[in-house]
Amino acid sequence: MFEMCRAFSQGKGFEGGVGCAVFTIAALPVYEFALKNA
């Protein structure tokens, strides 16, 4: 995700990287939650 973010931003800033970081951190816990609850 960060590579794709850098490709579009052309290295002029990584504001989009904030969303990428949140997705990376949350994805696995979200799936674990889904397995336990549904």
PDB file of all heavy atoms in Angstrom:
ATOM      1  N   MET A   1       0.823  -1.209   0.000  1.00  0.00           N
ATOM      2  CA  MET A   1       0.000   0.000   0.000  1.00  0.00           C
ATOM      3  C   MET A   1       0.856   1.258   0.000  1.00  0.00           C
ATOM      4  O   MET A   1       0.563   2.233  -0.710  1.00  0.00           O
ATOM      5  CB  MET A   1      -0.940  -0.004   1.207  1.00  0.00           C
ATOM      6  CG  MET A   1      -2.115  -0.947   1.070  1.00  0.00           C
ATOM      7  SD  MET A   1      -3.385  -0.670   2.325  1.00  0.00           S
ATOM      8  CE  MET A   1      -2.537  -1.275   3.781  1.00  0.00           C
ATOM      9  N   PHE A   2       1.934   1.251   0.782  1.00  0.00           N
ATOM     10  CA  PHE A   2       2.802   2.423   0.821  1.00  0.00           C
ATOM     11  C   PHE A   2       3.515   2.635  -0.514  1.00  0.00           C
ATOM     12  O   PHE A   2       3.746   3.774  -0.930  1.00  0.00           O
ATOM     13  CB  PHE A   2       3.806   2.305   1.963  1.00  0.00           C
ATOM     14  CG  PHE A   2       3.278   2.807   3.275  1.00  0.00           C
ATOM     15  CD1 PHE A   2       2.781   1.925   4.231  1.00  0.00           C
ATOM     16  CD2 PHE A   2       3.237   4.162   3.552  1.00  0.00           C
ATOM     17  CE1 PHE A   2       2.274   2.389   5.430  1.00  0.00           C
ATOM     18  CE2 PHE A   2       2.737   4.646   4.749  1.00  0.00           C
ATOM     19  CZ  PHE A   2       2.252   3.748   5.695  1.00  0.00           C
ATOM     20  N   GLU A   3       3.870   1.547  -1.183  1.00  0.00           N
ATOM     21  CA  GLU A   3       4.476   1.684  -2.515  1.00  0.00           C
ATOM     22  C   GLU A   3       3.497   2.312  -3.494  1.00  0.00           C
ATOM     23  O   GLU A   3       3.875   3.183  -4.289  1.00  0.00           O
ATOM     24  CB  GLU A   3       4.927   0.317  -3.026  1.00  0.00           C
ATOM     25  CG  GLU A   3       6.160  -0.224  -2.327  1.00  0.00           C
ATOM     26  CD  GLU A   3       6.561  -1.596  -2.826  1.00  0.00           C
ATOM     27  OE1 GLU A   3       5.817  -2.187  -3.648  1.00  0.00           O
ATOM     28  OE2 GLU A   3       7.618  -2.101  -2.401  1.00  0.00           O
ATOM     29  N   MET A   4       2.244   1.889  -3.454  1.00  0.00           N
ATOM     30  CA  MET A   4       1.233   2.466  -4.337  1.00  0.00           C
ATOM     31  C   MET A   4       0.979   3.929  -3.981  1.00  0.00           C
ATOM     32  O   MET A   4       0.819   4.785  -4.864  1.00  0.00           O
ATOM     33  CB  MET A   4      -0.057   1.657  -4.245  1.00  0.00           C
ATOM     34  CG  MET A   4      -1.128   2.055  -5.245  1.00  0.00           C
ATOM     35  SD  MET A   4      -0.631   1.750  -6.973  1.00  0.00           S
ATOM     36  CE  MET A   4      -0.635  -0.053  -7.011  1.00  0.00           C
ATOM     37  N   CYS A   5       0.958   4.214  -2.691  1.00  0.00           N
ATOM     38  CA  CYS A   5       0.767   5.587  -2.223  1.00  0.00           C
ATOM     39  C   CYS A   5       1.886   6.496  -2.735  1.00  0.00           C
ATOM     40  O   CYS A   5       1.635   7.587  -3.238  1.00  0.00           O
ATOM     41  CB  CYS A   5       0.718   5.594  -0.699  1.00  0.00           C
ATOM     42  SG  CYS A   5       0.551   7.229   0.042  1.00  0.00           S
ATOM     43  N   ARG A   6       3.116   6.008  -2.650  1.00  0.00           N
ATOM     44  CA  ARG A   6       4.263   6.788  -3.119  1.00  0.00           C
ATOM     45  C   ARG A   6       4.233   6.977  -4.627  1.00  0.00           C
ATOM     46  O   ARG A   6       4.609   8.039  -5.140  1.00  0.00           O
ATOM     47  CB  ARG A   6       5.561   6.093  -2.700  1.00  0.00           C
ATOM     48  CG  ARG A   6       6.823   6.859  -3.092  1.00  0.00           C
ATOM     49  CD  ARG A   6       8.050   6.222  -2.489  1.00  0.00           C
ATOM     50  NE  ARG A   6       8.174   4.816  -2.852  1.00  0.00           N
ATOM     51  CZ  ARG A   6       9.088   3.990  -2.369  1.00  0.00           C
ATOM     52  NH1 ARG A   6       9.944   4.432  -1.463  1.00  0.00           N
ATOM     53  NH2 ARG A   6       9.133   2.747  -2.752  1.00  0.00           N
ATOM     54  N   ALA A   7       3.760   5.971  -5.352  1.00  0.00           N
ATOM     55  CA  ALA A   7       3.690   6.074  -6.809  1.00  0.00           C
ATOM     56  C   ALA A   7       2.766   7.211  -7.227  1.00  0.00           C
ATOM     57  O   ALA A   7       3.103   8.006  -8.118  1.00  0.00           O
ATOM     58  CB  ALA A   7       3.206   4.750  -7.406  1.00  0.00           C
ATOM     59  N   PHE A   8       1.616   7.313  -6.599  1.00  0.00           N
ATOM     60  CA  PHE A   8       0.661   8.365  -6.967  1.00  0.00           C
ATOM     61  C   PHE A   8       1.085   9.740  -6.461  1.00  0.00           C
ATOM     62  O   PHE A   8       0.890  10.739  -7.145  1.00  0.00           O
ATOM     63  CB  PHE A   8      -0.731   8.023  -6.426  1.00  0.00           C
ATOM     64  CG  PHE A   8      -1.489   7.060  -7.283  1.00  0.00           C
ATOM     65  CD1 PHE A   8      -1.665   5.745  -6.882  1.00  0.00           C
ATOM     66  CD2 PHE A   8      -2.025   7.449  -8.497  1.00  0.00           C
ATOM     67  CE1 PHE A   8      -2.366   4.843  -7.672  1.00  0.00           C
ATOM     68  CE2 PHE A   8      -2.723   6.569  -9.301  1.00  0.00           C
ATOM     69  CZ  PHE A   8      -2.895   5.256  -8.891  1.00  0.00           C
ATOM     70  N   SER A   9       1.640   9.793  -5.260  1.00  0.00           N
ATOM     71  CA  SER A   9       1.999  11.091  -4.684  1.00  0.00           C
ATOM     72  C   SER A   9       3.303  11.640  -5.244  1.00  0.00           C
ATOM     73  O   SER A   9       3.620  12.813  -5.035  1.00  0.00           O
ATOM     74  CB  SER A   9       2.121  10.977  -3.163  1.00  0.00           C
ATOM     75  OG  SER A   9       3.242  10.172  -2.801  1.00  0.00           O
ATOM     76  N   GLN A  10       4.063  10.777  -5.956  1.00  0.00           N
ATOM     77  CA  GLN A  10       5.344  11.196  -6.538  1.00  0.00           C
ATOM     78  C   GLN A  10       6.309  11.731  -5.482  1.00  0.00           C
ATOM     79  O   GLN A  10       7.116  12.625  -5.753  1.00  0.00           O
ATOM     80  CB  GLN A  10       5.112  12.267  -7.611  1.00  0.00           C
ATOM     81  CG  GLN A  10       4.286  11.800  -8.800  1.00  0.00           C
ATOM     82  CD  GLN A  10       5.048  10.822  -9.686  1.00  0.00           C
ATOM     83  OE1 GLN A  10       6.110  11.135 -10.191  1.00  0.00           O
ATOM     84  NE2 GLN A  10       4.490   9.633  -9.878  1.00  0.00           N
ATOM     85  N   GLY A  11       6.197  11.209  -4.276  1.00  0.00           N
ATOM     86  CA  GLY A  11       7.107  11.611  -3.206  1.00  0.00           C
ATOM     87  C   GLY A  11       6.871  13.009  -2.680  1.00  0.00           C
ATOM     88  O   GLY A  11       7.708  13.544  -1.949  1.00  0.00           O
ATOM     89  N   LYS A  12       5.714  13.618  -3.016  1.00  0.00           N
ATOM     90  CA  LYS A  12       5.446  14.996  -2.603  1.00  0.00           C
ATOM     91  C   LYS A  12       4.696  15.080  -1.272  1.00  0.00           C
ATOM     92  O   LYS A  12       4.221  16.134  -0.877  1.00  0.00           O
ATOM     93  CB  LYS A  12       4.643  15.718  -3.691  1.00  0.00           C
ATOM     94  CG  LYS A  12       5.405  15.918  -4.985  1.00  0.00           C
ATOM     95  CD  LYS A  12       4.611  16.705  -5.991  1.00  0.00           C
ATOM     96  CE  LYS A  12       3.413  15.930  -6.497  1.00  0.00           C
ATOM     97  NZ  LYS A  12       2.698  16.653  -7.585  1.00  0.00           N
ATOM     98  N   GLY A  13       4.592  13.961  -0.601  1.00  0.00           N
ATOM     99  CA  GLY A  13       3.880  13.941   0.671  1.00  0.00           C
ATOM    100  C   GLY A  13       3.203  12.602   0.857  1.00  0.00           C
ATOM    101  O   GLY A  13       2.838  11.948  -0.112  1.00  0.00           O
ATOM    102  N   PHE A  14       3.029  12.214   2.104  1.00  0.00           N
ATOM    103  CA  PHE A  14       2.457  10.897   2.373  1.00  0.00           C
ATOM    104  C   PHE A  14       1.201  11.002   3.231  1.00  0.00           C
ATOM    105  O   PHE A  14       0.988  10.204   4.138  1.00  0.00           O
ATOM    106  CB  PHE A  14       3.499  10.003   3.051  1.00  0.00           C
ATOM    107  CG  PHE A  14       4.567   9.537   2.106  1.00  0.00           C
ATOM    108  CD1 PHE A  14       5.758  10.238   2.000  1.00  0.00           C
ATOM    109  CD2 PHE A  14       4.373   8.422   1.316  1.00  0.00           C
ATOM    110  CE1 PHE A  14       6.743   9.828   1.121  1.00  0.00           C
ATOM    111  CE2 PHE A  14       5.358   7.998   0.429  1.00  0.00           C
ATOM    112  CZ  PHE A  14       6.536   8.701   0.337  1.00  0.00           C
ATOM    113  N   GLU A  15       0.366  12.004   2.924  1.00  0.00           N
ATOM    114  CA  GLU A  15      -0.897  12.123   3.641  1.00  0.00           C
ATOM    115  C   GLU A  15      -1.727  10.846   3.465  1.00  0.00           C
ATOM    116  O   GLU A  15      -2.400  10.382   4.383  1.00  0.00           O
ATOM    117  CB  GLU A  15      -1.691  13.339   3.154  1.00  0.00           C
ATOM    118  CG  GLU A  15      -1.088  14.677   3.531  1.00  0.00           C
ATOM    119  CD  GLU A  15      -0.002  15.144   2.566  1.00  0.00           C
ATOM    120  OE1 GLU A  15       0.349  14.361   1.666  1.00  0.00           O
ATOM    121  OE2 GLU A  15       0.475  16.284   2.714  1.00  0.00           O
ATOM    122  N   GLY A  16      -1.677  10.287   2.242  1.00  0.00           N
ATOM    123  CA  GLY A  16      -2.411   9.055   1.982  1.00  0.00           C
ATOM    124  C   GLY A  16      -1.871   7.892   2.782  1.00  0.00           C
ATOM    125  O   GLY A  16      -2.566   6.901   3.003  1.00  0.00           O
ATOM    126  N   GLY A  17      -0.616   8.001   3.224  1.00  0.00           N
ATOM    127  CA  GLY A  17      -0.009   6.938   4.002  1.00  0.00           C
ATOM    128  C   GLY A  17      -0.651   6.748   5.367  1.00  0.00           C
ATOM    129  O   GLY A  17      -0.531   5.676   5.963  1.00  0.00           O
ATOM    130  N   VAL A  18      -1.340   7.765   5.865  1.00  0.00           N
ATOM    131  CA  VAL A  18      -2.007   7.645   7.162  1.00  0.00           C
ATOM    132  C   VAL A  18      -3.105   6.595   7.083  1.00  0.00           C
ATOM    133  O   VAL A  18      -3.225   5.712   7.943  1.00  0.00           O
ATOM    134  CB  VAL A  18      -2.595   9.003   7.600  1.00  0.00           C
ATOM    135  CG1 VAL A  18      -3.367   8.848   8.906  1.00  0.00           C
ATOM    136  CG2 VAL A  18      -1.487  10.036   7.746  1.00  0.00           C
ATOM    137  N   GLY A  19      -3.903   6.662   6.032  1.00  0.00           N
ATOM    138  CA  GLY A  19      -4.956   5.677   5.838  1.00  0.00           C
ATOM    139  C   GLY A  19      -4.380   4.287   5.625  1.00  0.00           C
ATOM    140  O   GLY A  19      -4.925   3.294   6.124  1.00  0.00           O
ATOM    141  N   CYS A  20      -3.279   4.200   4.888  1.00  0.00           N
ATOM    142  CA  CYS A  20      -2.612   2.916   4.660  1.00  0.00           C
ATOM    143  C   CYS A  20      -2.142   2.311   5.976  1.00  0.00           C
ATOM    144  O   CYS A  20      -2.260   1.095   6.194  1.00  0.00           O
ATOM    145  CB  CYS A  20      -1.423   3.092   3.710  1.00  0.00           C
ATOM    146  SG  CYS A  20      -1.872   3.593   2.034  1.00  0.00           S
ATOM    147  N   ALA A  21      -1.588   3.161   6.844  1.00  0.00           N
ATOM    148  CA  ALA A  21      -1.094   2.683   8.138  1.00  0.00           C
ATOM    149  C   ALA A  21      -2.237   2.159   8.996  1.00  0.00           C
ATOM    150  O   ALA A  21      -2.131   1.105   9.634  1.00  0.00           O
ATOM    151  CB  ALA A  21      -0.353   3.806   8.855  1.00  0.00           C
ATOM    152  N   VAL A  22      -3.351   2.895   9.017  1.00  0.00           N
ATOM    153  CA  VAL A  22      -4.508   2.467   9.814  1.00  0.00           C
ATOM    154  C   VAL A  22      -5.043   1.131   9.289  1.00  0.00           C
ATOM    155  O   VAL A  22      -5.361   0.227  10.073  1.00  0.00           O
ATOM    156  CB  VAL A  22      -5.616   3.533   9.780  1.00  0.00           C
ATOM    157  CG1 VAL A  22      -6.880   3.026  10.473  1.00  0.00           C
ATOM    158  CG2 VAL A  22      -5.137   4.814  10.448  1.00  0.00           C
ATOM    159  N   PHE A  23      -5.134   0.997   7.974  1.00  0.00           N
ATOM    160  CA  PHE A  23      -5.634  -0.247   7.377  1.00  0.00           C
ATOM    161  C   PHE A  23      -4.721  -1.417   7.735  1.00  0.00           C
ATOM    162  O   PHE A  23      -5.185  -2.505   8.092  1.00  0.00           O
ATOM    163  CB  PHE A  23      -5.729  -0.104   5.854  1.00  0.00           C
ATOM    164  CG  PHE A  23      -6.501  -1.210   5.192  1.00  0.00           C
ATOM    165  CD1 PHE A  23      -7.857  -1.075   4.949  1.00  0.00           C
ATOM    166  CD2 PHE A  23      -5.879  -2.383   4.807  1.00  0.00           C
ATOM    167  CE1 PHE A  23      -8.584  -2.096   4.343  1.00  0.00           C
ATOM    168  CE2 PHE A  23      -6.586  -3.417   4.199  1.00  0.00           C
ATOM    169  CZ  PHE A  23      -7.949  -3.271   3.969  1.00  0.00           C
ATOM    170  N   THR A  24      -3.409  -1.187   7.652  1.00  0.00           N
ATOM    171  CA  THR A  24      -2.442  -2.246   7.959  1.00  0.00           C
ATOM    172  C   THR A  24      -2.558  -2.707   9.406  1.00  0.00           C
ATOM    173  O   THR A  24      -2.546  -3.903   9.698  1.00  0.00           O
ATOM    174  CB  THR A  24      -1.005  -1.756   7.689  1.00  0.00           C
ATOM    175  OG1 THR A  24      -0.892  -1.343   6.326  1.00  0.00           O
ATOM    176  CG2 THR A  24       0.003  -2.856   7.965  1.00  0.00           C
ATOM    177  N   ILE A  25      -2.679  -1.747  10.315  1.00  0.00           N
ATOM    178  CA  ILE A  25      -2.751  -2.067  11.735  1.00  0.00           C
ATOM    179  C   ILE A  25      -4.070  -2.752  12.091  1.00  0.00           C
ATOM    180  O   ILE A  25      -4.115  -3.670  12.916  1.00  0.00           O
ATOM    181  CB  ILE A  25      -2.568  -0.787  12.582  1.00  0.00           C
ATOM    182  CG1 ILE A  25      -1.146  -0.242  12.394  1.00  0.00           C
ATOM    183  CG2 ILE A  25      -2.854  -1.051  14.053  1.00  0.00           C
ATOM    184  CD1 ILE A  25      -0.942   1.135  12.981  1.00  0.00           C
ATOM    185  N   ALA A  26      -5.156  -2.326  11.439  1.00  0.00           N
ATOM    186  CA  ALA A  26      -6.487  -2.794  11.835  1.00  0.00           C
ATOM    187  C   ALA A  26      -6.947  -4.058  11.125  1.00  0.00           C
ATOM    188  O   ALA A  26      -7.825  -4.759  11.628  1.00  0.00           O
ATOM    189  CB  ALA A  26      -7.508  -1.680  11.602  1.00  0.00           C
ATOM    190  N   ALA A  27      -6.378  -4.376   9.969  1.00  0.00           N
ATOM    191  CA  ALA A  27      -6.907  -5.465   9.136  1.00  0.00           C
ATOM    192  C   ALA A  27      -6.935  -6.811   9.854  1.00  0.00           C
ATOM    193  O   ALA A  27      -7.955  -7.508   9.849  1.00  0.00           O
ATOM    194  CB  ALA A  27      -6.107  -5.569   7.840  1.00  0.00           C
ATOM    195  N   LEU A  28      -5.823  -7.196  10.453  1.00  0.00           N
ATOM    196  CA  LEU A  28      -5.771  -8.497  11.110  1.00  0.00           C
ATOM    197  C   LEU A  28      -6.699  -8.564  12.330  1.00  0.00           C
ATOM    198  O   LEU A  28      -7.448  -9.544  12.479  1.00  0.00           O
ATOM    199  CB  LEU A  28      -4.330  -8.837  11.503  1.00  0.00           C
ATOM    200  CG  LEU A  28      -4.087 -10.245  12.062  1.00  0.00           C
ATOM    201  CD1 LEU A  28      -4.592 -11.313  11.104  1.00  0.00           C
ATOM    202  CD2 LEU A  28      -2.593 -10.456  12.346  1.00  0.00           C
ATOM    203  N   PRO A  29      -6.708  -7.558  13.217  1.00  0.00           N
ATOM    204  CA  PRO A  29      -7.682  -7.594  14.317  1.00  0.00           C
ATOM    205  C   PRO A  29      -9.125  -7.639  13.833  1.00  0.00           C
ATOM    206  O   PRO A  29      -9.971  -8.295  14.445  1.00  0.00           O
ATOM    207  CB  PRO A  29      -7.393  -6.292  15.078  1.00  0.00           C
ATOM    208  CG  PRO A  29      -5.957  -6.002  14.791  1.00  0.00           C
ATOM    209  CD  PRO A  29      -5.748  -6.444  13.370  1.00  0.00           C
ATOM    210  N   VAL A  30      -9.405  -6.933  12.741  1.00  0.00           N
ATOM    211  CA  VAL A  30     -10.770  -6.952  12.189  1.00  0.00           C
ATOM    212  C   VAL A  30     -11.145  -8.355  11.757  1.00  0.00           C
ATOM    213  O   VAL A  30     -12.258  -8.827  12.020  1.00  0.00           O
ATOM    214  CB  VAL A  30     -10.889  -5.977  10.995  1.00  0.00           C
ATOM    215  CG1 VAL A  30     -12.118  -6.292  10.139  1.00  0.00           C
ATOM    216  CG2 VAL A  30     -10.971  -4.545  11.495  1.00  0.00           C
ATOM    217  N   TYR A  31     -10.210  -9.063  11.118  1.00  0.00           N
ATOM    218  CA  TYR A  31     -10.534 -10.417  10.671  1.00  0.00           C
ATOM    219  C   TYR A  31     -10.680 -11.365  11.855  1.00  0.00           C
ATOM    220  O   TYR A  31     -11.552 -12.234  11.865  1.00  0.00           O
ATOM    221  CB  TYR A  31      -9.481 -10.938   9.699  1.00  0.00           C
ATOM    222  CG  TYR A  31      -9.950 -12.200   9.004  1.00  0.00           C
ATOM    223  CD1 TYR A  31     -10.958 -12.134   8.045  1.00  0.00           C
ATOM    224  CD2 TYR A  31      -9.434 -13.450   9.342  1.00  0.00           C
ATOM    225  CE1 TYR A  31     -11.433 -13.269   7.428  1.00  0.00           C
ATOM    226  CE2 TYR A  31      -9.904 -14.592   8.729  1.00  0.00           C
ATOM    227  CZ  TYR A  31     -10.903 -14.499   7.764  1.00  0.00           C
ATOM    228  OH  TYR A  31     -11.378 -15.638   7.171  1.00  0.00           O
ATOM    229  N   GLU A  32      -9.830 -11.200  12.863  1.00  0.00           N
ATOM    230  CA  GLU A  32      -9.946 -12.024  14.065  1.00  0.00           C
ATOM    231  C   GLU A  32     -11.301 -11.793  14.734  1.00  0.00           C
ATOM    232  O   GLU A  32     -11.952 -12.737  15.188  1.00  0.00           O
ATOM    233  CB  GLU A  32      -8.816 -11.675  15.042  1.00  0.00           C
ATOM    234  CG  GLU A  32      -7.447 -12.131  14.606  1.00  0.00           C
ATOM    235  CD  GLU A  32      -7.228 -13.618  14.852  1.00  0.00           C
ATOM    236  OE1 GLU A  32      -7.944 -14.199  15.691  1.00  0.00           O
ATOM    237  OE2 GLU A  32      -6.347 -14.196  14.193  1.00  0.00           O
ATOM    238  N   PHE A  33     -11.732 -10.546  14.777  1.00  0.00           N
ATOM    239  CA  PHE A  33     -13.037 -10.212  15.346  1.00  0.00           C
ATOM    240  C   PHE A  33     -14.152 -10.868  14.544  1.00  0.00           C
ATOM    241  O   PHE A  33     -15.115 -11.408  15.118  1.00  0.00           O
ATOM    242  CB  PHE A  33     -13.218  -8.690  15.351  1.00  0.00           C
ATOM    243  CG  PHE A  33     -14.603  -8.237  15.741  1.00  0.00           C
ATOM    244  CD1 PHE A  33     -14.965  -8.160  17.076  1.00  0.00           C
ATOM    245  CD2 PHE A  33     -15.531  -7.895  14.766  1.00  0.00           C
ATOM    246  CE1 PHE A  33     -16.240  -7.747  17.438  1.00  0.00           C
ATOM    247  CE2 PHE A  33     -16.812  -7.489  15.130  1.00  0.00           C
ATOM    248  CZ  PHE A  33     -17.162  -7.413  16.456  1.00  0.00           C
ATOM    249  N   ALA A  34     -14.035 -10.841  13.225  1.00  0.00           N
ATOM    250  CA  ALA A  34     -15.061 -11.441  12.367  1.00  0.00           C
ATOM    251  C   ALA A  34     -15.163 -12.935  12.605  1.00  0.00           C
ATOM    252  O   ALA A  34     -16.262 -13.498  12.649  1.00  0.00           O
ATOM    253  CB  ALA A  34     -14.748 -11.153  10.899  1.00  0.00           C
ATOM    254  N   LEU A  35     -14.034 -13.598  12.754  1.00  0.00           N
ATOM    255  CA  LEU A  35     -14.044 -15.046  12.964  1.00  0.00           C
ATOM    256  C   LEU A  35     -14.698 -15.422  14.286  1.00  0.00           C
ATOM    257  O   LEU A  35     -15.398 -16.438  14.390  1.00  0.00           O
ATOM    258  CB  LEU A  35     -12.613 -15.595  12.928  1.00  0.00           C
ATOM    259  CG  LEU A  35     -11.937 -15.679  11.559  1.00  0.00           C
ATOM    260  CD1 LEU A  35     -10.546 -16.281  11.713  1.00  0.00           C
ATOM    261  CD2 LEU A  35     -12.745 -16.499  10.580  1.00  0.00           C
ATOM    262  N   LYS A  36     -14.472 -14.611  15.312  1.00  0.00           N
ATOM    263  CA  LYS A  36     -15.006 -14.918  16.636  1.00  0.00           C
ATOM    264  C   LYS A  36     -16.489 -14.576  16.763  1.00  0.00           C
ATOM    265  O   LYS A  36     -17.192 -15.126  17.617  1.00  0.00           O
ATOM    266  CB  LYS A  36     -14.215 -14.168  17.703  1.00  0.00           C
ATOM    267  CG  LYS A  36     -12.785 -14.662  17.855  1.00  0.00           C
ATOM    268  CD  LYS A  36     -12.032 -13.849  18.889  1.00  0.00           C
ATOM    269  CE  LYS A  36     -10.585 -14.336  19.020  1.00  0.00           C
ATOM    270  NZ  LYS A  36      -9.816 -13.536  20.007  1.00  0.00           N
ATOM    271  N   ASN A  37     -16.951 -13.662  15.919  1.00  0.00           N
ATOM    272  CA  ASN A  37     -18.321 -13.186  16.068  1.00  0.00           C
ATOM    273  C   ASN A  37     -19.255 -13.548  14.925  1.00  0.00           C
ATOM    274  O   ASN A  37     -20.469 -13.372  15.047  1.00  0.00           O
ATOM    275  CB  ASN A  37     -18.322 -11.662  16.226  1.00  0.00           C
ATOM    276  CG  ASN A  37     -17.695 -11.231  17.531  1.00  0.00           C
ATOM    277  OD1 ASN A  37     -18.352 -11.171  18.555  1.00  0.00           O
ATOM    278  ND2 ASN A  37     -16.395 -10.955  17.499  1.00  0.00           N
ATOM    279  N   ALA A  38     -18.701 -14.055  13.813  1.00  0.00           N
ATOM    280  CA  ALA A  38     -19.585 -14.414  12.699  1.00  0.00           C
ATOM    281  C   ALA A  38     -18.910 -15.465  11.832  1.00  0.00           C
ATOM    282  O   ALA A  38     -18.728 -16.594  12.240  1.00  0.00           O
ATOM    283  CB  ALA A  38     -19.964 -13.169  11.891  1.00  0.00           C
TER     284      ALA A  38
END
